[in-house]
N, C-alpha and C. Protein backbone atom coordinates (compact mmCIF):
# COMPACT_ATOMS: atom_id res chain seq x y z
N MET A 1 149.52 147.49 -35.65
CA MET A 1 148.70 146.34 -36.01
C MET A 1 147.83 146.63 -37.22
N THR A 2 147.34 147.84 -37.37
CA THR A 2 146.50 148.15 -38.52
C THR A 2 147.27 147.99 -39.82
N THR A 3 148.58 148.30 -39.82
CA THR A 3 149.37 148.14 -41.03
C THR A 3 149.43 146.68 -41.44
N ALA A 4 149.64 145.78 -40.49
CA ALA A 4 149.70 144.36 -40.80
C ALA A 4 148.38 143.87 -41.38
N VAL A 5 147.27 144.34 -40.81
CA VAL A 5 145.97 143.93 -41.33
C VAL A 5 145.78 144.47 -42.74
N ALA A 6 146.13 145.75 -42.96
CA ALA A 6 145.95 146.34 -44.27
C ALA A 6 146.76 145.58 -45.32
N GLU A 7 147.99 145.15 -44.96
CA GLU A 7 148.81 144.41 -45.90
C GLU A 7 148.24 143.02 -46.16
N ALA A 8 147.60 142.43 -45.16
CA ALA A 8 147.10 141.07 -45.28
C ALA A 8 145.82 140.99 -46.10
N VAL A 9 145.08 142.07 -46.19
CA VAL A 9 143.79 142.05 -46.87
C VAL A 9 143.98 142.17 -48.38
N ASP A 10 143.38 141.26 -49.10
CA ASP A 10 143.43 141.25 -50.56
C ASP A 10 142.16 141.93 -51.07
N ASP A 11 142.29 143.18 -51.50
CA ASP A 11 141.12 143.95 -51.93
C ASP A 11 140.38 143.31 -53.09
N ASP A 12 141.11 142.72 -54.04
CA ASP A 12 140.46 142.08 -55.18
C ASP A 12 139.61 140.89 -54.71
N LEU A 13 140.17 140.13 -53.79
CA LEU A 13 139.44 138.99 -53.23
C LEU A 13 138.16 139.45 -52.56
N TRP A 14 138.25 140.50 -51.73
CA TRP A 14 137.07 140.96 -51.00
C TRP A 14 136.09 141.68 -51.89
N SER A 15 136.58 142.30 -52.94
CA SER A 15 135.67 142.89 -53.92
C SER A 15 134.85 141.80 -54.60
N ALA A 16 135.51 140.69 -54.92
CA ALA A 16 134.80 139.56 -55.55
C ALA A 16 133.78 138.97 -54.60
N ILE A 17 134.13 138.81 -53.35
CA ILE A 17 133.23 138.22 -52.36
C ILE A 17 132.10 139.18 -51.99
N GLY A 18 132.33 140.47 -52.20
CA GLY A 18 131.35 141.48 -51.81
C GLY A 18 130.04 141.41 -52.58
N ASP A 19 130.03 140.75 -53.71
CA ASP A 19 128.82 140.66 -54.53
C ASP A 19 127.94 139.52 -54.04
N PRO A 20 126.65 139.80 -53.77
CA PRO A 20 125.75 138.75 -53.26
C PRO A 20 125.59 137.56 -54.21
N THR A 21 125.57 137.80 -55.51
CA THR A 21 125.43 136.69 -56.46
C THR A 21 126.65 135.79 -56.39
N ARG A 22 127.84 136.38 -56.29
CA ARG A 22 129.05 135.57 -56.21
C ARG A 22 129.10 134.79 -54.90
N ARG A 23 128.63 135.39 -53.81
CA ARG A 23 128.57 134.64 -52.54
C ARG A 23 127.62 133.46 -52.68
N ARG A 24 126.50 133.67 -53.35
CA ARG A 24 125.54 132.57 -53.55
C ARG A 24 126.15 131.48 -54.42
N LEU A 25 126.91 131.87 -55.45
CA LEU A 25 127.60 130.89 -56.28
C LEU A 25 128.58 130.07 -55.45
N LEU A 26 129.32 130.72 -54.59
CA LEU A 26 130.25 130.00 -53.70
C LEU A 26 129.48 129.02 -52.82
N ASP A 27 128.35 129.48 -52.27
CA ASP A 27 127.52 128.60 -51.43
C ASP A 27 127.08 127.36 -52.22
N LEU A 28 126.61 127.58 -53.44
CA LEU A 28 126.15 126.46 -54.26
C LEU A 28 127.28 125.50 -54.59
N LEU A 29 128.44 126.05 -54.93
CA LEU A 29 129.58 125.20 -55.26
C LEU A 29 130.06 124.42 -54.03
N LEU A 30 130.03 125.06 -52.88
CA LEU A 30 130.41 124.35 -51.65
C LEU A 30 129.42 123.23 -51.34
N LEU A 31 128.16 123.50 -51.57
CA LEU A 31 127.11 122.51 -51.30
C LEU A 31 127.17 121.34 -52.28
N GLU A 32 127.36 121.66 -53.54
CA GLU A 32 127.28 120.63 -54.58
C GLU A 32 128.63 120.05 -54.99
N GLY A 33 129.70 120.70 -54.61
CA GLY A 33 131.03 120.22 -54.97
C GLY A 33 131.56 120.80 -56.26
N ALA A 34 130.71 120.99 -57.25
CA ALA A 34 131.13 121.54 -58.54
C ALA A 34 129.88 121.94 -59.32
N GLY A 35 130.11 122.73 -60.36
CA GLY A 35 128.99 123.12 -61.21
C GLY A 35 129.47 123.89 -62.42
N THR A 36 128.61 123.95 -63.42
CA THR A 36 128.88 124.73 -64.63
C THR A 36 128.02 125.98 -64.58
N ALA A 37 128.31 126.92 -65.47
CA ALA A 37 127.50 128.13 -65.52
C ALA A 37 126.03 127.77 -65.78
N THR A 38 125.80 126.77 -66.61
CA THR A 38 124.43 126.36 -66.92
C THR A 38 123.74 125.78 -65.69
N SER A 39 124.40 124.83 -65.03
CA SER A 39 123.75 124.18 -63.88
C SER A 39 123.54 125.18 -62.74
N LEU A 40 124.48 126.08 -62.56
CA LEU A 40 124.34 127.06 -61.48
C LEU A 40 123.28 128.11 -61.79
N SER A 41 123.18 128.51 -63.06
CA SER A 41 122.20 129.53 -63.43
C SER A 41 120.77 129.03 -63.26
N GLN A 42 120.58 127.72 -63.30
CA GLN A 42 119.25 127.15 -63.10
C GLN A 42 118.77 127.30 -61.66
N GLN A 43 119.70 127.60 -60.77
CA GLN A 43 119.36 127.73 -59.35
C GLN A 43 119.37 129.19 -58.88
N LEU A 44 119.61 130.10 -59.82
CA LEU A 44 119.69 131.52 -59.47
C LEU A 44 118.80 132.34 -60.39
N PRO A 45 118.39 133.51 -59.93
CA PRO A 45 117.53 134.36 -60.77
C PRO A 45 118.32 135.24 -61.74
N VAL A 46 119.41 134.68 -62.30
CA VAL A 46 120.22 135.41 -63.28
C VAL A 46 120.50 134.51 -64.47
N THR A 47 120.91 135.11 -65.56
CA THR A 47 121.14 134.35 -66.78
C THR A 47 122.43 133.53 -66.69
N ARG A 48 122.55 132.58 -67.59
CA ARG A 48 123.76 131.78 -67.67
C ARG A 48 124.96 132.68 -67.96
N GLN A 49 124.77 133.67 -68.84
CA GLN A 49 125.86 134.58 -69.19
C GLN A 49 126.33 135.37 -67.96
N ALA A 50 125.38 135.82 -67.14
CA ALA A 50 125.74 136.55 -65.92
C ALA A 50 126.51 135.64 -64.96
N VAL A 51 126.04 134.40 -64.83
CA VAL A 51 126.73 133.44 -63.96
C VAL A 51 128.15 133.21 -64.46
N ALA A 52 128.30 133.06 -65.77
CA ALA A 52 129.63 132.84 -66.36
C ALA A 52 130.56 134.02 -66.04
N LYS A 53 130.05 135.23 -66.12
CA LYS A 53 130.87 136.40 -65.79
C LYS A 53 131.25 136.40 -64.31
N HIS A 54 130.30 136.09 -63.45
CA HIS A 54 130.59 136.03 -62.02
C HIS A 54 131.62 134.95 -61.71
N LEU A 55 131.49 133.80 -62.36
CA LEU A 55 132.46 132.73 -62.16
C LEU A 55 133.85 133.15 -62.64
N GLY A 56 133.88 133.94 -63.72
CA GLY A 56 135.16 134.46 -64.21
C GLY A 56 135.85 135.34 -63.18
N VAL A 57 135.07 136.18 -62.49
CA VAL A 57 135.62 137.04 -61.44
C VAL A 57 136.16 136.18 -60.30
N LEU A 58 135.37 135.20 -59.88
CA LEU A 58 135.82 134.31 -58.80
C LEU A 58 137.05 133.51 -59.20
N ASP A 59 137.13 133.14 -60.45
CA ASP A 59 138.30 132.41 -60.96
C ASP A 59 139.54 133.30 -60.95
N ARG A 60 139.39 134.55 -61.37
CA ARG A 60 140.54 135.47 -61.41
C ARG A 60 141.16 135.69 -60.04
N VAL A 61 140.34 135.69 -58.98
CA VAL A 61 140.89 135.89 -57.64
C VAL A 61 141.25 134.56 -56.97
N GLY A 62 141.04 133.46 -57.68
CA GLY A 62 141.47 132.16 -57.19
C GLY A 62 140.50 131.45 -56.26
N LEU A 63 139.30 131.98 -56.09
CA LEU A 63 138.33 131.32 -55.21
C LEU A 63 137.72 130.07 -55.83
N VAL A 64 137.67 130.04 -57.15
CA VAL A 64 137.21 128.85 -57.86
C VAL A 64 138.18 128.58 -58.99
N HIS A 65 138.16 127.35 -59.46
CA HIS A 65 138.96 126.98 -60.63
C HIS A 65 138.06 126.21 -61.57
N GLY A 66 138.15 126.57 -62.85
CA GLY A 66 137.35 125.90 -63.86
C GLY A 66 138.19 124.95 -64.68
N THR A 67 137.62 123.80 -64.97
CA THR A 67 138.27 122.84 -65.87
C THR A 67 137.31 122.55 -67.01
N PRO A 68 137.85 122.34 -68.21
CA PRO A 68 136.97 122.08 -69.35
C PRO A 68 136.11 120.84 -69.11
N ALA A 69 134.83 120.97 -69.46
CA ALA A 69 133.87 119.85 -69.37
C ALA A 69 132.97 119.95 -70.60
N GLY A 70 133.41 119.33 -71.68
CA GLY A 70 132.65 119.45 -72.93
C GLY A 70 132.73 120.88 -73.45
N ARG A 71 131.56 121.47 -73.70
CA ARG A 71 131.52 122.85 -74.21
C ARG A 71 131.56 123.87 -73.09
N GLU A 72 131.55 123.42 -71.85
CA GLU A 72 131.55 124.34 -70.71
C GLU A 72 132.77 124.12 -69.84
N ARG A 73 132.78 124.87 -68.74
CA ARG A 73 133.81 124.69 -67.72
C ARG A 73 133.11 124.26 -66.44
N ARG A 74 133.71 123.32 -65.74
CA ARG A 74 133.19 122.85 -64.46
C ARG A 74 134.02 123.53 -63.37
N TYR A 75 133.33 124.23 -62.49
CA TYR A 75 134.00 125.02 -61.44
C TYR A 75 133.92 124.33 -60.09
N ARG A 76 135.02 124.45 -59.35
CA ARG A 76 135.11 123.97 -57.97
C ARG A 76 135.72 125.08 -57.12
N VAL A 77 135.36 125.10 -55.85
CA VAL A 77 135.93 126.07 -54.92
C VAL A 77 137.36 125.66 -54.60
N ASP A 78 138.25 126.63 -54.55
CA ASP A 78 139.62 126.39 -54.11
C ASP A 78 139.64 126.52 -52.59
N ASP A 79 139.76 125.39 -51.91
CA ASP A 79 139.68 125.37 -50.44
C ASP A 79 140.76 126.24 -49.79
N ALA A 80 141.97 126.23 -50.34
CA ALA A 80 143.06 127.01 -49.75
C ALA A 80 142.79 128.51 -49.85
N GLN A 81 142.29 128.95 -51.00
CA GLN A 81 142.00 130.38 -51.17
C GLN A 81 140.81 130.80 -50.30
N LEU A 82 139.83 129.92 -50.18
CA LEU A 82 138.69 130.22 -49.32
C LEU A 82 139.14 130.32 -47.86
N ALA A 83 140.03 129.43 -47.44
CA ALA A 83 140.58 129.48 -46.08
C ALA A 83 141.36 130.78 -45.87
N ARG A 84 142.07 131.22 -46.91
CA ARG A 84 142.80 132.50 -46.83
C ARG A 84 141.81 133.66 -46.64
N ALA A 85 140.71 133.63 -47.36
CA ALA A 85 139.69 134.67 -47.22
C ALA A 85 139.10 134.67 -45.82
N VAL A 86 138.82 133.49 -45.29
CA VAL A 86 138.27 133.38 -43.94
C VAL A 86 139.26 133.94 -42.92
N ALA A 87 140.55 133.63 -43.09
CA ALA A 87 141.57 134.13 -42.18
C ALA A 87 141.66 135.65 -42.25
N GLN A 88 141.55 136.19 -43.45
CA GLN A 88 141.58 137.65 -43.60
C GLN A 88 140.38 138.28 -42.90
N LEU A 89 139.23 137.69 -43.06
CA LEU A 89 138.03 138.22 -42.42
C LEU A 89 138.18 138.19 -40.90
N ALA A 90 138.72 137.11 -40.37
CA ALA A 90 138.93 137.00 -38.93
C ALA A 90 139.91 138.07 -38.46
N SER A 91 140.95 138.31 -39.23
CA SER A 91 141.95 139.32 -38.88
C SER A 91 141.34 140.72 -38.88
N VAL A 92 140.56 141.02 -39.90
CA VAL A 92 139.90 142.32 -39.98
C VAL A 92 138.90 142.47 -38.83
N GLY A 93 138.16 141.41 -38.54
CA GLY A 93 137.20 141.43 -37.43
C GLY A 93 137.89 141.69 -36.10
N SER A 94 139.03 141.06 -35.89
CA SER A 94 139.80 141.27 -34.66
C SER A 94 140.27 142.72 -34.55
N ALA A 95 140.76 143.24 -35.65
CA ALA A 95 141.25 144.62 -35.64
C ALA A 95 140.11 145.59 -35.31
N TRP A 96 138.93 145.36 -35.89
CA TRP A 96 137.79 146.24 -35.61
C TRP A 96 137.29 146.07 -34.18
N ASP A 97 137.32 144.85 -33.67
CA ASP A 97 136.94 144.64 -32.26
C ASP A 97 137.85 145.45 -31.35
N ALA A 98 139.15 145.44 -31.63
CA ALA A 98 140.11 146.20 -30.82
C ALA A 98 139.82 147.70 -30.93
N ARG A 99 139.54 148.17 -32.14
CA ARG A 99 139.22 149.60 -32.33
C ARG A 99 137.97 149.99 -31.54
N LEU A 100 136.96 149.14 -31.62
CA LEU A 100 135.70 149.44 -30.91
C LEU A 100 135.90 149.43 -29.40
N ARG A 101 136.75 148.54 -28.89
CA ARG A 101 137.05 148.55 -27.45
C ARG A 101 137.74 149.85 -27.05
N ARG A 102 138.66 150.32 -27.88
CA ARG A 102 139.34 151.61 -27.59
C ARG A 102 138.35 152.76 -27.61
N ILE A 103 137.46 152.78 -28.58
CA ILE A 103 136.45 153.84 -28.67
C ILE A 103 135.56 153.81 -27.43
N LYS A 104 135.17 152.63 -27.01
CA LYS A 104 134.33 152.50 -25.81
C LYS A 104 135.05 153.04 -24.58
N ARG A 105 136.34 152.69 -24.44
CA ARG A 105 137.10 153.20 -23.29
C ARG A 105 137.18 154.73 -23.31
N ILE A 106 137.39 155.30 -24.47
CA ILE A 106 137.47 156.76 -24.60
C ILE A 106 136.13 157.39 -24.24
N ALA A 107 135.04 156.82 -24.77
CA ALA A 107 133.70 157.35 -24.47
C ALA A 107 133.39 157.25 -22.99
N GLU A 108 133.77 156.14 -22.37
CA GLU A 108 133.54 155.99 -20.92
C GLU A 108 134.36 156.99 -20.12
N ALA A 109 135.60 157.24 -20.54
CA ALA A 109 136.44 158.22 -19.85
C ALA A 109 135.86 159.62 -19.98
N ILE A 110 135.34 159.95 -21.14
CA ILE A 110 134.70 161.26 -21.34
C ILE A 110 133.48 161.39 -20.45
N GLN A 111 132.68 160.33 -20.36
CA GLN A 111 131.48 160.35 -19.52
C GLN A 111 131.85 160.52 -18.04
N VAL A 112 132.87 159.82 -17.60
CA VAL A 112 133.32 159.94 -16.20
C VAL A 112 133.79 161.37 -15.94
N ALA A 113 134.54 161.95 -16.87
CA ALA A 113 135.02 163.33 -16.71
C ALA A 113 133.85 164.30 -16.64
N ARG A 114 132.84 164.11 -17.47
CA ARG A 114 131.65 164.98 -17.43
C ARG A 114 130.92 164.84 -16.10
N ASN A 115 130.76 163.60 -15.67
CA ASN A 115 130.08 163.37 -14.37
C ASN A 115 130.85 164.03 -13.24
N ASP A 116 132.19 163.93 -13.27
CA ASP A 116 133.02 164.57 -12.24
C ASP A 116 132.85 166.09 -12.27
N GLN A 117 132.78 166.66 -13.49
CA GLN A 117 132.61 168.12 -13.63
C GLN A 117 131.26 168.55 -13.09
N GLU A 118 130.22 167.78 -13.40
CA GLU A 118 128.87 168.12 -12.94
C GLU A 118 128.74 167.98 -11.44
N ALA A 119 129.49 167.08 -10.85
CA ALA A 119 129.42 166.85 -9.41
C ALA A 119 130.12 167.97 -8.63
N THR A 120 131.01 168.69 -9.28
CA THR A 120 131.73 169.76 -8.56
C THR A 120 131.09 171.09 -8.69
């Protein structure tokens, strides 16, 4: 199962989402429907140029798509790619839950064995 999860995870996508500013940009775009680097930078403590670079990263991994709007680009979230990211996160979460359950069972078995040894 770990192999299937590893193959399903898009490292570039998760690297892009891993940045707090990019997550905030996604939140703003989801809330507002669309935005430009200028309009988004007015709501964040970073420059327009920094926002434009972050949007470029999100665009490269397909989480947003920009269309020309005058001298700027208007960005929207790609719902299908965002759904893919959510599915990957759920898959990774499931895999880790299973791993943690196995670790717990092993730790409990070790504790039972120690208790049995101490009782004898």
